[in-house]
Amino acid sequence: MDQRPAEQTRPTPAVPAGPMPAEPPQPPPTAPAEPRRPARPRTLPPSPAKTVTIRYLGIEAPVIGLRLDGRRRLPAPPDDRPKVVGWYTEGPAPGGPGTAVVVGHRDTRTGPAVFAALDVIKPGRIVEVLRADGRTAVYTVDAVRTYEKARFPNKEVYGHRGRPELRLITCGGTYDRWKGYASNVVVFGHLTATREPARKP
């Protein structure tokens, strides 16, 4: 069926048409406005980390403090506490300037541990760190990378990048019964929001 609209008869003007008026001058084109960059969240004063939450992975892990061992290495939490994560207390606090570092086990002798699925997290996902002062530092994941332990890039992972950032670290790569895992999985994130404690009624 032809569904084109019927041709309409053009109306005749009541008076003879005169010359068309000149078009008004057009204003000069303006340059498009640059998109506004999102404001950086304010950094928080130091306060210990209390809980790390990654809803995408179903993680809500209590935090313990960790220090460097005698070989100047950051150890993992004790093997008998597979569901906790460790925050490097001699480094920046979550939500503060610099790069906060959190580590956790991939697995232990008892089975999968807190960061068993850390390597499947995607850029754009959210990591929340509740602090002892009740404030929450909210980070957005930028990248997930795997490095051989023998060639671990300390400066790239731990270095300050001019904004508040977070690193989540666990084991990865191939596993040897005697030597353990050959690599580390590192999640890179940056601070995108902070939340104040909920007000009590």
N, C-alpha and C. Protein backbone atom coordinates (compact mmCIF):
# COMPACT_ATOMS: atom_id res chain seq x y z
N MET A 1 0.85 -1.19 0.00
CA MET A 1 0.00 0.00 0.00
C MET A 1 0.88 1.24 0.00
N ASP A 2 0.51 2.23 -0.89
CA ASP A 2 1.28 3.48 -0.94
C ASP A 2 0.88 4.35 0.24
N GLN A 3 1.83 4.57 1.15
CA GLN A 3 1.53 5.35 2.35
C GLN A 3 2.15 6.74 2.29
N ARG A 4 2.50 7.22 1.08
CA ARG A 4 3.04 8.56 0.98
C ARG A 4 1.94 9.57 1.22
N PRO A 5 2.24 10.67 1.90
CA PRO A 5 1.20 11.67 2.14
C PRO A 5 0.76 12.29 0.84
N ALA A 6 -0.54 12.61 0.78
CA ALA A 6 -1.09 13.24 -0.43
C ALA A 6 -0.46 14.60 -0.62
N GLU A 7 -0.20 14.97 -1.89
CA GLU A 7 0.43 16.26 -2.18
C GLU A 7 -0.51 17.38 -1.82
N GLN A 8 -0.08 18.36 -1.06
CA GLN A 8 -0.91 19.47 -0.64
C GLN A 8 -0.78 20.63 -1.62
N THR A 9 -1.92 21.37 -1.85
CA THR A 9 -1.92 22.54 -2.72
C THR A 9 -1.30 23.71 -1.99
N ARG A 10 -0.35 24.37 -2.64
CA ARG A 10 0.33 25.49 -2.00
C ARG A 10 -0.60 26.69 -2.00
N PRO A 11 -0.84 27.34 -0.83
CA PRO A 11 -1.76 28.48 -0.81
C PRO A 11 -1.20 29.67 -1.57
N THR A 12 -2.12 30.46 -2.19
CA THR A 12 -1.73 31.65 -2.94
C THR A 12 -1.67 32.83 -2.00
N PRO A 13 -0.59 33.62 -1.99
CA PRO A 13 -0.52 34.77 -1.09
C PRO A 13 -1.58 35.80 -1.43
N ALA A 14 -2.08 36.53 -0.42
CA ALA A 14 -3.12 37.53 -0.63
C ALA A 14 -2.59 38.75 -1.34
N VAL A 15 -1.29 39.04 -1.22
CA VAL A 15 -0.69 40.18 -1.90
C VAL A 15 0.49 39.67 -2.70
N PRO A 16 0.85 40.37 -3.77
CA PRO A 16 2.00 39.92 -4.55
C PRO A 16 3.24 39.82 -3.66
N ALA A 17 4.00 38.79 -3.86
CA ALA A 17 5.22 38.60 -3.08
C ALA A 17 6.28 39.58 -3.51
N GLY A 18 6.86 40.33 -2.55
CA GLY A 18 7.93 41.25 -2.84
C GLY A 18 9.28 40.57 -2.70
N PRO A 19 10.33 41.34 -2.83
CA PRO A 19 11.68 40.75 -2.67
C PRO A 19 11.89 40.25 -1.24
N MET A 20 12.60 39.15 -1.11
CA MET A 20 12.87 38.58 0.21
C MET A 20 13.80 39.50 0.98
N PRO A 21 13.52 39.73 2.26
CA PRO A 21 14.43 40.58 3.05
C PRO A 21 15.78 39.91 3.21
N ALA A 22 16.79 40.73 3.32
CA ALA A 22 18.14 40.19 3.50
C ALA A 22 18.23 39.46 4.84
N GLU A 23 18.96 38.33 4.84
CA GLU A 23 19.12 37.57 6.08
C GLU A 23 19.98 38.37 7.06
N PRO A 24 19.59 38.35 8.34
CA PRO A 24 20.41 39.07 9.32
C PRO A 24 21.80 38.45 9.41
N PRO A 25 22.78 39.27 9.69
CA PRO A 25 24.15 38.72 9.78
C PRO A 25 24.24 37.66 10.88
N GLN A 26 24.96 36.60 10.57
CA GLN A 26 25.12 35.51 11.53
C GLN A 26 26.30 35.80 12.46
N PRO A 27 26.13 35.49 13.74
CA PRO A 27 27.27 35.71 14.65
C PRO A 27 28.41 34.77 14.30
N PRO A 28 29.63 35.19 14.56
CA PRO A 28 30.78 34.32 14.25
C PRO A 28 30.69 33.03 15.06
N PRO A 29 31.15 31.93 14.46
CA PRO A 29 31.10 30.65 15.19
C PRO A 29 31.97 30.71 16.44
N THR A 30 31.47 30.08 17.47
CA THR A 30 32.22 30.04 18.72
C THR A 30 32.84 28.67 18.90
N ALA A 31 33.97 28.64 19.53
CA ALA A 31 34.64 27.37 19.78
C ALA A 31 33.84 26.56 20.79
N PRO A 32 33.72 25.24 20.58
CA PRO A 32 32.97 24.43 21.54
C PRO A 32 33.62 24.46 22.91
N ALA A 33 32.76 24.49 23.92
CA ALA A 33 33.28 24.52 25.29
C ALA A 33 33.99 23.22 25.61
N GLU A 34 35.10 23.33 26.28
CA GLU A 34 35.83 22.13 26.68
C GLU A 34 35.07 21.42 27.80
N PRO A 35 35.00 20.08 27.72
CA PRO A 35 34.30 19.37 28.79
C PRO A 35 35.00 19.56 30.13
N ARG A 36 34.20 19.73 31.13
CA ARG A 36 34.77 19.93 32.46
C ARG A 36 35.33 18.64 33.01
N ARG A 37 36.51 18.74 33.56
CA ARG A 37 37.09 17.57 34.20
C ARG A 37 36.45 17.38 35.58
N PRO A 38 36.15 16.15 35.94
CA PRO A 38 35.57 15.94 37.26
C PRO A 38 36.51 16.41 38.36
N ALA A 39 35.93 17.06 39.35
CA ALA A 39 36.75 17.56 40.45
C ALA A 39 37.37 16.40 41.22
N ARG A 40 38.62 16.58 41.59
CA ARG A 40 39.28 15.54 42.37
C ARG A 40 38.71 15.54 43.79
N PRO A 41 38.49 14.35 44.34
CA PRO A 41 38.00 14.31 45.72
C PRO A 41 39.07 14.82 46.68
N ARG A 42 38.63 15.39 47.77
CA ARG A 42 39.59 15.89 48.75
C ARG A 42 40.27 14.72 49.44
N THR A 43 41.53 14.88 49.73
CA THR A 43 42.25 13.83 50.44
C THR A 43 41.90 13.86 51.92
N LEU A 44 42.10 12.74 52.57
CA LEU A 44 41.72 12.60 53.97
C LEU A 44 42.96 12.59 54.85
N PRO A 45 42.82 12.99 56.10
CA PRO A 45 43.95 12.90 57.04
C PRO A 45 44.23 11.44 57.37
N PRO A 46 45.41 11.13 57.89
CA PRO A 46 45.76 9.73 58.16
C PRO A 46 44.79 9.06 59.13
N SER A 47 44.46 7.82 58.82
CA SER A 47 43.65 6.97 59.70
C SER A 47 43.82 5.54 59.22
N PRO A 48 43.97 4.58 60.12
CA PRO A 48 44.20 3.19 59.71
C PRO A 48 43.03 2.60 58.92
N ALA A 49 43.36 1.71 58.00
CA ALA A 49 42.34 0.98 57.26
C ALA A 49 41.68 -0.05 58.17
N LYS A 50 40.38 -0.24 57.98
CA LYS A 50 39.63 -1.16 58.83
C LYS A 50 39.01 -2.30 58.03
N THR A 51 38.40 -1.98 56.88
CA THR A 51 37.73 -3.00 56.07
C THR A 51 37.91 -2.67 54.60
N VAL A 52 38.18 -3.68 53.77
CA VAL A 52 38.22 -3.52 52.31
C VAL A 52 37.02 -4.25 51.72
N THR A 53 36.25 -3.53 50.91
CA THR A 53 35.05 -4.09 50.29
C THR A 53 35.16 -4.00 48.77
N ILE A 54 34.98 -5.13 48.10
CA ILE A 54 34.90 -5.18 46.63
C ILE A 54 33.61 -5.93 46.30
N ARG A 55 32.54 -5.19 46.09
CA ARG A 55 31.23 -5.83 45.90
C ARG A 55 31.21 -6.72 44.67
N TYR A 56 31.94 -6.34 43.64
CA TYR A 56 31.98 -7.11 42.40
C TYR A 56 32.48 -8.53 42.64
N LEU A 57 33.38 -8.69 43.61
CA LEU A 57 33.94 -10.00 43.92
C LEU A 57 33.35 -10.62 45.19
N GLY A 58 32.40 -9.93 45.81
CA GLY A 58 31.83 -10.44 47.04
C GLY A 58 32.79 -10.42 48.21
N ILE A 59 33.69 -9.44 48.23
CA ILE A 59 34.71 -9.37 49.29
C ILE A 59 34.36 -8.27 50.28
N GLU A 60 34.39 -8.61 51.55
CA GLU A 60 34.34 -7.64 52.64
C GLU A 60 35.30 -8.14 53.70
N ALA A 61 36.54 -7.68 53.62
CA ALA A 61 37.63 -8.27 54.40
C ALA A 61 38.12 -7.34 55.49
N PRO A 62 38.28 -7.85 56.70
CA PRO A 62 38.92 -7.05 57.75
C PRO A 62 40.39 -6.82 57.42
N VAL A 63 40.93 -5.73 57.95
CA VAL A 63 42.30 -5.32 57.64
C VAL A 63 43.17 -5.41 58.89
N ILE A 64 44.38 -5.95 58.71
CA ILE A 64 45.39 -5.90 59.77
C ILE A 64 46.57 -5.06 59.26
N GLY A 65 47.35 -4.53 60.17
CA GLY A 65 48.52 -3.74 59.79
C GLY A 65 49.72 -4.63 59.52
N LEU A 66 50.52 -4.27 58.51
CA LEU A 66 51.72 -5.02 58.15
C LEU A 66 52.91 -4.06 58.04
N ARG A 67 54.09 -4.59 58.39
CA ARG A 67 55.34 -3.85 58.24
C ARG A 67 56.31 -4.68 57.40
N LEU A 68 57.36 -4.04 56.92
CA LEU A 68 58.38 -4.76 56.15
C LEU A 68 59.09 -5.76 57.05
N ASP A 69 59.47 -6.89 56.45
CA ASP A 69 60.21 -7.89 57.21
C ASP A 69 61.70 -7.57 57.22
N GLY A 70 62.51 -8.48 57.73
CA GLY A 70 63.95 -8.23 57.84
C GLY A 70 64.65 -8.08 56.51
N ARG A 71 64.02 -8.57 55.43
CA ARG A 71 64.61 -8.44 54.09
C ARG A 71 64.01 -7.27 53.32
N ARG A 72 63.32 -6.40 54.04
CA ARG A 72 62.69 -5.22 53.44
C ARG A 72 61.63 -5.61 52.43
N ARG A 73 60.92 -6.67 52.73
CA ARG A 73 59.82 -7.11 51.89
C ARG A 73 58.52 -7.02 52.67
N LEU A 74 57.43 -6.78 51.95
CA LEU A 74 56.13 -6.70 52.60
C LEU A 74 55.52 -8.10 52.64
N PRO A 75 55.34 -8.67 53.82
CA PRO A 75 54.80 -10.03 53.90
C PRO A 75 53.29 -10.04 53.69
N ALA A 76 52.77 -11.22 53.43
CA ALA A 76 51.32 -11.41 53.39
C ALA A 76 50.81 -11.61 54.81
N PRO A 77 49.51 -11.52 55.02
CA PRO A 77 48.96 -11.83 56.35
C PRO A 77 49.29 -13.27 56.74
N PRO A 78 49.17 -13.61 58.01
CA PRO A 78 49.46 -14.98 58.44
C PRO A 78 48.62 -16.01 57.69
N ASP A 79 49.20 -17.18 57.43
CA ASP A 79 48.50 -18.22 56.69
C ASP A 79 47.22 -18.68 57.39
N ASP A 80 47.19 -18.58 58.72
CA ASP A 80 46.01 -19.03 59.43
C ASP A 80 44.89 -17.99 59.46
N ARG A 81 45.09 -16.89 58.69
CA ARG A 81 44.04 -15.87 58.57
C ARG A 81 43.81 -15.57 57.08
N PRO A 82 43.30 -16.54 56.34
CA PRO A 82 43.20 -16.41 54.88
C PRO A 82 42.17 -15.39 54.40
N LYS A 83 41.27 -14.98 55.26
CA LYS A 83 40.19 -14.08 54.84
C LYS A 83 40.43 -12.63 55.23
N VAL A 84 41.60 -12.32 55.77
CA VAL A 84 41.92 -10.93 56.08
C VAL A 84 42.91 -10.40 55.04
N VAL A 85 43.00 -9.08 54.94
CA VAL A 85 44.00 -8.45 54.09
C VAL A 85 44.90 -7.60 54.98
N GLY A 86 46.09 -7.29 54.46
CA GLY A 86 47.05 -6.50 55.22
C GLY A 86 47.33 -5.16 54.56
N TRP A 87 47.32 -4.10 55.35
CA TRP A 87 47.64 -2.76 54.86
C TRP A 87 49.04 -2.39 55.35
N TYR A 88 49.86 -1.85 54.45
CA TYR A 88 51.22 -1.44 54.77
C TYR A 88 51.16 -0.16 55.60
N THR A 89 51.38 -0.30 56.91
CA THR A 89 51.17 0.82 57.82
C THR A 89 52.24 1.89 57.74
N GLU A 90 53.40 1.57 57.17
CA GLU A 90 54.47 2.56 57.06
C GLU A 90 54.33 3.40 55.79
N GLY A 91 53.32 3.12 55.00
CA GLY A 91 53.04 3.89 53.79
C GLY A 91 51.81 4.75 53.98
N PRO A 92 51.32 5.37 52.90
CA PRO A 92 50.15 6.23 52.98
C PRO A 92 48.90 5.49 53.47
N ALA A 93 48.04 6.23 54.14
CA ALA A 93 46.75 5.68 54.57
C ALA A 93 45.76 5.77 53.42
N PRO A 94 44.79 4.87 53.35
CA PRO A 94 43.77 4.96 52.30
C PRO A 94 43.04 6.30 52.36
N GLY A 95 42.89 6.92 51.21
CA GLY A 95 42.25 8.22 51.13
C GLY A 95 43.20 9.39 51.27
N GLY A 96 44.44 9.11 51.67
CA GLY A 96 45.42 10.17 51.81
C GLY A 96 46.31 10.29 50.59
N PRO A 97 47.17 11.30 50.55
CA PRO A 97 48.08 11.46 49.42
C PRO A 97 49.02 10.26 49.29
N GLY A 98 49.37 9.92 48.07
CA GLY A 98 50.29 8.81 47.84
C GLY A 98 49.57 7.52 47.51
N THR A 99 50.33 6.43 47.53
CA THR A 99 49.82 5.12 47.11
C THR A 99 49.69 4.20 48.32
N ALA A 100 48.45 3.89 48.68
CA ALA A 100 48.19 2.94 49.77
C ALA A 100 48.30 1.52 49.22
N VAL A 101 48.87 0.62 50.01
CA VAL A 101 49.13 -0.75 49.55
C VAL A 101 48.41 -1.74 50.46
N VAL A 102 47.66 -2.65 49.83
CA VAL A 102 46.93 -3.71 50.55
C VAL A 102 47.27 -5.04 49.91
N VAL A 103 47.61 -6.04 50.72
CA VAL A 103 47.98 -7.36 50.20
C VAL A 103 47.09 -8.43 50.83
N GLY A 104 46.92 -9.53 50.11
CA GLY A 104 46.13 -10.64 50.63
C GLY A 104 46.49 -11.93 49.93
N HIS A 105 46.16 -13.05 50.55
CA HIS A 105 46.46 -14.36 49.97
C HIS A 105 45.51 -14.68 48.81
N ARG A 106 46.07 -15.40 47.84
CA ARG A 106 45.25 -16.00 46.78
C ARG A 106 44.65 -17.31 47.28
N ASP A 107 45.48 -18.09 47.96
CA ASP A 107 45.01 -19.32 48.60
C ASP A 107 46.01 -19.70 49.69
N THR A 108 45.61 -20.65 50.51
CA THR A 108 46.48 -21.22 51.53
C THR A 108 46.27 -22.73 51.52
N ARG A 109 46.86 -23.40 52.48
CA ARG A 109 46.70 -24.86 52.54
C ARG A 109 45.26 -25.28 52.78
N THR A 110 44.47 -24.37 53.32
CA THR A 110 43.07 -24.71 53.60
C THR A 110 42.14 -24.44 52.44
N GLY A 111 42.66 -23.84 51.34
CA GLY A 111 41.81 -23.58 50.18
C GLY A 111 41.90 -22.14 49.71
N PRO A 112 40.95 -21.72 48.84
CA PRO A 112 40.96 -20.35 48.31
C PRO A 112 40.90 -19.32 49.44
N ALA A 113 41.60 -18.22 49.24
CA ALA A 113 41.65 -17.15 50.25
C ALA A 113 40.97 -15.89 49.72
N VAL A 114 41.17 -14.79 50.43
CA VAL A 114 40.39 -13.59 50.19
C VAL A 114 40.55 -13.03 48.77
N PHE A 115 41.75 -13.10 48.19
CA PHE A 115 41.99 -12.54 46.86
C PHE A 115 42.08 -13.63 45.79
N ALA A 116 41.34 -14.72 45.96
CA ALA A 116 41.39 -15.83 45.00
C ALA A 116 41.00 -15.39 43.60
N ALA A 117 40.07 -14.44 43.48
CA ALA A 117 39.56 -14.02 42.17
C ALA A 117 39.99 -12.61 41.81
N LEU A 118 41.03 -12.10 42.46
CA LEU A 118 41.42 -10.71 42.23
C LEU A 118 41.77 -10.43 40.78
N ASP A 119 42.33 -11.42 40.08
CA ASP A 119 42.78 -11.18 38.71
C ASP A 119 41.63 -11.03 37.71
N VAL A 120 40.38 -11.28 38.10
CA VAL A 120 39.27 -11.15 37.16
C VAL A 120 38.56 -9.81 37.28
N ILE A 121 38.96 -8.98 38.23
CA ILE A 121 38.33 -7.68 38.36
C ILE A 121 38.66 -6.83 37.13
N LYS A 122 37.72 -5.97 36.73
CA LYS A 122 37.87 -5.18 35.51
C LYS A 122 38.05 -3.70 35.83
N PRO A 123 38.71 -2.96 34.93
CA PRO A 123 38.78 -1.51 35.09
C PRO A 123 37.38 -0.90 35.19
N GLY A 124 37.25 0.07 36.04
CA GLY A 124 35.96 0.70 36.28
C GLY A 124 35.24 0.18 37.51
N ARG A 125 35.66 -0.96 38.02
CA ARG A 125 35.04 -1.50 39.24
C ARG A 125 35.50 -0.70 40.46
N ILE A 126 34.72 -0.82 41.53
CA ILE A 126 34.92 0.01 42.71
C ILE A 126 35.50 -0.81 43.87
N VAL A 127 36.46 -0.19 44.56
CA VAL A 127 37.02 -0.75 45.79
C VAL A 127 36.82 0.28 46.89
N GLU A 128 36.23 -0.13 48.00
CA GLU A 128 35.98 0.77 49.11
C GLU A 128 36.83 0.37 50.32
N VAL A 129 37.42 1.35 50.95
CA VAL A 129 38.22 1.10 52.15
C VAL A 129 37.64 1.91 53.30
N LEU A 130 37.04 1.21 54.25
CA LEU A 130 36.54 1.87 55.46
C LEU A 130 37.69 2.07 56.42
N ARG A 131 37.78 3.26 56.99
CA ARG A 131 38.88 3.62 57.87
C ARG A 131 38.42 3.64 59.33
N ALA A 132 39.39 3.67 60.22
CA ALA A 132 39.08 3.66 61.65
C ALA A 132 38.31 4.90 62.08
N ASP A 133 38.47 6.02 61.36
CA ASP A 133 37.75 7.25 61.72
C ASP A 133 36.33 7.27 61.18
N GLY A 134 35.89 6.19 60.53
CA GLY A 134 34.54 6.12 60.01
C GLY A 134 34.38 6.60 58.58
N ARG A 135 35.39 7.27 58.05
CA ARG A 135 35.32 7.71 56.66
C ARG A 135 35.63 6.55 55.72
N THR A 136 35.15 6.66 54.48
CA THR A 136 35.39 5.63 53.47
C THR A 136 36.10 6.24 52.28
N ALA A 137 37.18 5.62 51.86
CA ALA A 137 37.89 6.01 50.64
C ALA A 137 37.41 5.11 49.51
N VAL A 138 36.94 5.72 48.43
CA VAL A 138 36.38 4.98 47.30
C VAL A 138 37.34 5.09 46.11
N TYR A 139 37.78 3.95 45.63
CA TYR A 139 38.73 3.91 44.51
C TYR A 139 38.08 3.25 43.30
N THR A 140 38.50 3.70 42.11
CA THR A 140 38.08 3.08 40.86
C THR A 140 39.27 2.35 40.24
N VAL A 141 39.05 1.12 39.82
CA VAL A 141 40.12 0.30 39.25
C VAL A 141 40.53 0.85 37.89
N ASP A 142 41.84 1.03 37.69
CA ASP A 142 42.39 1.49 36.41
C ASP A 142 42.94 0.34 35.57
N ALA A 143 43.59 -0.62 36.21
CA ALA A 143 44.25 -1.69 35.46
C ALA A 143 44.53 -2.86 36.39
N VAL A 144 44.70 -4.03 35.78
CA VAL A 144 45.11 -5.24 36.50
C VAL A 144 46.30 -5.83 35.74
N ARG A 145 47.42 -6.01 36.42
CA ARG A 145 48.63 -6.48 35.75
C ARG A 145 49.28 -7.61 36.55
N THR A 146 50.00 -8.46 35.83
CA THR A 146 50.72 -9.57 36.45
C THR A 146 52.21 -9.41 36.18
N TYR A 147 53.02 -9.50 37.23
CA TYR A 147 54.46 -9.34 37.11
C TYR A 147 55.17 -10.55 37.71
N GLU A 148 56.24 -10.99 37.04
CA GLU A 148 57.08 -12.02 37.63
C GLU A 148 57.74 -11.47 38.89
N LYS A 149 57.76 -12.28 39.94
CA LYS A 149 58.35 -11.80 41.19
C LYS A 149 59.82 -11.43 41.02
N ALA A 150 60.52 -12.16 40.15
CA ALA A 150 61.94 -11.88 39.95
C ALA A 150 62.17 -10.54 39.25
N ARG A 151 61.13 -10.01 38.58
CA ARG A 151 61.26 -8.74 37.86
C ARG A 151 60.19 -7.75 38.32
N PHE A 152 59.86 -7.79 39.58
CA PHE A 152 58.79 -6.94 40.09
C PHE A 152 59.20 -5.47 40.03
N PRO A 153 58.38 -4.61 39.37
CA PRO A 153 58.75 -3.20 39.20
C PRO A 153 58.32 -2.36 40.41
N ASN A 154 59.16 -2.30 41.41
CA ASN A 154 58.80 -1.60 42.65
C ASN A 154 58.36 -0.15 42.42
N LYS A 155 59.10 0.57 41.59
CA LYS A 155 58.79 1.98 41.38
C LYS A 155 57.43 2.14 40.70
N GLU A 156 57.15 1.31 39.71
CA GLU A 156 55.87 1.41 39.01
C GLU A 156 54.70 1.09 39.93
N VAL A 157 54.88 0.11 40.79
CA VAL A 157 53.78 -0.32 41.65
C VAL A 157 53.62 0.58 42.86
N TYR A 158 54.72 0.89 43.54
CA TYR A 158 54.65 1.61 44.80
C TYR A 158 54.86 3.11 44.67
N GLY A 159 55.36 3.57 43.53
CA GLY A 159 55.71 4.98 43.39
C GLY A 159 54.52 5.91 43.46
N HIS A 160 54.79 7.15 43.91
CA HIS A 160 53.77 8.19 44.01
C HIS A 160 53.52 8.78 42.62
N ARG A 161 52.25 8.90 42.22
CA ARG A 161 51.91 9.40 40.89
C ARG A 161 51.21 10.75 40.92
N GLY A 162 51.30 11.44 42.03
CA GLY A 162 50.73 12.78 42.09
C GLY A 162 49.26 12.82 42.45
N ARG A 163 48.68 11.69 42.80
CA ARG A 163 47.29 11.65 43.23
C ARG A 163 47.12 10.47 44.19
N PRO A 164 46.06 10.45 44.98
CA PRO A 164 45.85 9.31 45.89
C PRO A 164 45.51 8.05 45.09
N GLU A 165 46.26 7.00 45.31
CA GLU A 165 46.03 5.75 44.59
C GLU A 165 46.03 4.56 45.55
N LEU A 166 45.64 3.40 45.01
CA LEU A 166 45.56 2.17 45.80
C LEU A 166 46.16 1.03 44.99
N ARG A 167 46.86 0.13 45.67
CA ARG A 167 47.33 -1.11 45.05
C ARG A 167 46.81 -2.28 45.87
N LEU A 168 46.23 -3.24 45.19
CA LEU A 168 45.85 -4.51 45.78
C LEU A 168 46.77 -5.57 45.19
N ILE A 169 47.41 -6.36 46.03
CA ILE A 169 48.44 -7.29 45.55
C ILE A 169 48.19 -8.68 46.10
N THR A 170 48.33 -9.68 45.22
CA THR A 170 48.26 -11.08 45.64
C THR A 170 49.18 -11.90 44.74
N CYS A 171 49.24 -13.20 45.00
CA CYS A 171 50.07 -14.08 44.18
C CYS A 171 49.36 -14.46 42.89
N GLY A 172 50.13 -14.88 41.90
CA GLY A 172 49.55 -15.30 40.62
C GLY A 172 50.58 -16.03 39.78
N GLY A 173 50.20 -16.30 38.54
CA GLY A 173 51.11 -17.00 37.64
C GLY A 173 51.18 -18.48 37.95
N THR A 174 52.26 -19.11 37.50
CA THR A 174 52.42 -20.55 37.70
C THR A 174 52.78 -20.85 39.15
N TYR A 175 52.43 -22.07 39.57
CA TYR A 175 52.67 -22.47 40.97
C TYR A 175 53.63 -23.64 41.02
N ASP A 176 54.62 -23.54 41.89
CA ASP A 176 55.56 -24.62 42.15
C ASP A 176 55.41 -25.04 43.61
N ARG A 177 55.34 -26.33 43.83
CA ARG A 177 55.09 -26.82 45.19
C ARG A 177 56.13 -26.34 46.18
N TRP A 178 57.37 -26.20 45.73
CA TRP A 178 58.46 -25.84 46.63
C TRP A 178 58.73 -24.33 46.65
N LYS A 179 58.52 -23.68 45.52
CA LYS A 179 58.84 -22.25 45.43
C LYS A 179 57.62 -21.34 45.55
N GLY A 180 56.44 -21.92 45.42
CA GLY A 180 55.24 -21.10 45.48
C GLY A 180 54.90 -20.49 44.13
N TYR A 181 54.16 -19.40 44.14
CA TYR A 181 53.76 -18.73 42.90
C TYR A 181 54.91 -17.93 42.31
N ALA A 182 54.95 -17.91 40.98
CA ALA A 182 56.05 -17.23 40.29
C ALA A 182 55.80 -15.74 40.09
N SER A 183 54.56 -15.31 40.23
CA SER A 183 54.22 -13.93 39.89
C SER A 183 53.34 -13.28 40.95
N ASN A 184 53.11 -12.00 40.76
CA ASN A 184 52.16 -11.24 41.57
C ASN A 184 51.12 -10.58 40.68
N VAL A 185 49.89 -10.59 41.13
CA VAL A 185 48.81 -9.85 40.48
C VAL A 185 48.66 -8.52 41.21
N VAL A 186 48.63 -7.43 40.46
CA VAL A 186 48.52 -6.10 41.05
C VAL A 186 47.34 -5.36 40.43
N VAL A 187 46.45 -4.87 41.29
CA VAL A 187 45.33 -4.03 40.85
C VAL A 187 45.70 -2.58 41.13
N PHE A 188 45.61 -1.74 40.09
CA PHE A 188 45.88 -0.31 40.20
C PHE A 188 44.54 0.44 40.28
N GLY A 189 44.42 1.34 41.23
CA GLY A 189 43.21 2.15 41.33
C GLY A 189 43.54 3.56 41.80
N HIS A 190 42.61 4.49 41.56
CA HIS A 190 42.81 5.86 42.02
C HIS A 190 41.56 6.32 42.78
N LEU A 191 41.76 7.27 43.68
CA LEU A 191 40.68 7.76 44.53
C LEU A 191 39.69 8.57 43.72
N THR A 192 38.41 8.22 43.80
CA THR A 192 37.38 8.94 43.07
C THR A 192 36.32 9.55 43.97
N ALA A 193 36.29 9.18 45.24
CA ALA A 193 35.31 9.76 46.16
C ALA A 193 35.72 9.45 47.59
N THR A 194 35.20 10.23 48.50
CA THR A 194 35.32 9.93 49.93
C THR A 194 33.94 10.12 50.55
N ARG A 195 33.68 9.33 51.57
CA ARG A 195 32.39 9.43 52.26
C ARG A 195 32.61 9.67 53.75
N GLU A 196 31.81 10.55 54.30
CA GLU A 196 31.86 10.80 55.73
C GLU A 196 31.10 9.71 56.47
N PRO A 197 31.35 9.55 57.76
CA PRO A 197 30.60 8.55 58.52
C PRO A 197 29.11 8.86 58.52
N ALA A 198 28.31 7.81 58.55
CA ALA A 198 26.86 7.99 58.62
C ALA A 198 26.50 8.63 59.96
N ARG A 199 25.62 9.61 59.90
CA ARG A 199 25.22 10.29 61.13
C ARG A 199 24.26 9.41 61.93
N LYS A 200 24.52 9.35 63.20
CA LYS A 200 23.64 8.57 64.07
C LYS A 200 22.37 9.36 64.35
N PRO A 201 21.22 8.68 64.33
CA PRO A 201 19.96 9.41 64.60
C PRO A 201 19.88 9.89 66.04
